[in-house]
Amino acid sequence: MKDFATEFILNKYQRLQLLHNSPKGKVWRAMDQDSNQKVILRELSRFNPVYEELKKYNFSICPEIYFYTQGESSSTVIEQYIEGREFSVGVMDG
């Protein structure tokens, strides 16, 4: 069960497009409804402490982590959306 503050924060994001779905979780392109900023919203089906650590640092080669929350068996991450083509598409195109 998520607390009220977490629910409030997560409800401000409109899910626009499901980018990836697997047993590990879902990845959405989403929009912050207050600022109209595109973000990535990850709903992970298990606890993943790596995002908690990444949020503490600002690496120029990694998307910025805006928000991270964890439940008993799941995690939710809001991170910077970087516009562009998928790497795998670019590699396949030559």
Protein backbone atom coordinates (compact mmCIF):
# COMPACT_ATOMS: atom_id res chain seq x y z
CA MET A 1 0.00 0.00 0.00
CA LYS A 2 1.42 3.37 -1.02
CA ASP A 3 1.14 6.35 1.28
CA PHE A 4 -0.93 9.42 0.42
CA ALA A 5 2.08 11.56 -0.61
CA THR A 6 3.34 8.87 -3.01
CA GLU A 7 -0.10 8.43 -4.55
CA PHE A 8 -0.42 12.20 -4.96
CA ILE A 9 2.93 12.42 -6.77
CA LEU A 10 2.25 9.43 -9.03
CA ASN A 11 -1.23 10.68 -9.96
CA LYS A 12 0.24 13.81 -11.54
CA TYR A 13 1.71 11.67 -14.36
CA GLN A 14 -0.45 10.71 -17.32
CA ARG A 15 0.67 7.47 -18.95
CA LEU A 16 0.91 8.12 -22.69
CA GLN A 17 2.46 5.04 -24.25
CA LEU A 18 3.51 1.62 -22.98
CA LEU A 19 7.09 1.19 -24.18
CA HIS A 20 7.92 -2.16 -22.60
CA ASN A 21 6.02 -4.85 -20.73
CA SER A 22 7.61 -7.92 -19.15
CA PRO A 23 7.32 -10.01 -15.99
CA LYS A 24 9.82 -7.58 -14.41
CA GLY A 25 7.50 -4.63 -14.92
CA LYS A 26 6.22 -1.93 -17.27
CA VAL A 27 7.92 1.12 -18.78
CA TRP A 28 5.74 4.04 -19.85
CA ARG A 29 6.33 7.29 -21.67
CA ALA A 30 4.37 9.65 -19.46
CA MET A 31 3.61 13.35 -19.05
CA ASP A 32 3.82 15.49 -15.93
CA GLN A 33 0.37 17.11 -16.01
CA ASP A 34 1.60 20.19 -14.12
CA SER A 35 4.60 21.07 -16.31
CA ASN A 36 3.82 19.12 -19.54
CA GLN A 37 7.28 17.58 -19.22
CA LYS A 38 7.73 14.10 -20.75
CA VAL A 39 9.15 11.49 -18.37
CA ILE A 40 9.72 7.76 -18.16
CA LEU A 41 7.61 5.97 -15.56
CA ARG A 42 8.84 2.52 -14.54
CA GLU A 43 6.55 0.20 -12.57
CA LEU A 44 8.82 -2.61 -11.41
CA SER A 45 7.27 -5.81 -10.07
CA ARG A 46 10.04 -6.30 -7.53
CA PHE A 47 12.12 -4.25 -5.15
CA ASN A 48 15.11 -2.73 -6.98
CA PRO A 49 17.53 -0.73 -4.79
CA VAL A 50 19.71 0.42 -7.72
CA TYR A 51 17.36 3.35 -8.45
CA GLU A 52 17.53 4.52 -4.85
CA GLU A 53 21.32 4.73 -5.19
CA LEU A 54 21.20 6.37 -8.64
CA LYS A 55 18.89 9.10 -7.30
CA LYS A 56 21.68 10.20 -4.92
CA TYR A 57 24.03 11.03 -7.81
CA ASN A 58 23.92 13.09 -10.97
CA PHE A 59 25.77 11.24 -13.72
CA SER A 60 25.91 13.01 -17.07
CA ILE A 61 25.60 9.68 -18.90
CA CYS A 62 22.44 8.53 -17.07
CA PRO A 63 18.91 9.90 -17.11
CA GLU A 64 18.12 11.92 -13.99
CA ILE A 65 15.95 10.11 -11.43
CA TYR A 66 13.18 12.52 -10.35
CA PHE A 67 11.29 10.24 -7.96
CA TYR A 68 11.69 6.76 -6.54
CA THR A 69 9.45 4.83 -4.20
CA GLN A 70 9.41 1.24 -3.07
CA GLY A 71 6.78 -1.02 -1.66
CA GLU A 72 7.23 -4.39 -0.02
CA SER A 73 7.61 -6.13 -3.37
CA SER A 74 7.62 -3.39 -6.03
CA SER A 75 9.29 -0.13 -7.03
CA THR A 76 8.18 2.90 -9.04
CA VAL A 77 10.63 5.24 -10.74
CA ILE A 78 10.09 8.56 -12.49
CA GLU A 79 13.09 9.49 -14.61
CA GLN A 80 14.20 11.91 -17.30
CA TYR A 81 12.86 11.24 -20.79
CA ILE A 82 15.50 11.57 -23.49
CA GLU A 83 14.10 12.13 -26.98
CA GLY A 84 15.57 10.01 -29.74
CA ARG A 85 15.48 6.70 -31.50
CA GLU A 86 15.97 3.39 -29.77
CA PHE A 87 19.56 2.21 -29.88
CA SER A 88 18.57 -1.16 -31.33
CA VAL A 89 16.72 0.56 -34.21
CA GLY A 90 19.78 2.65 -35.09
CA VAL A 91 22.05 -0.38 -35.04
CA MET A 92 19.73 -2.39 -37.27
CA ASP A 93 19.44 0.50 -39.76
CA GLY A 94 23.21 0.56 -40.22
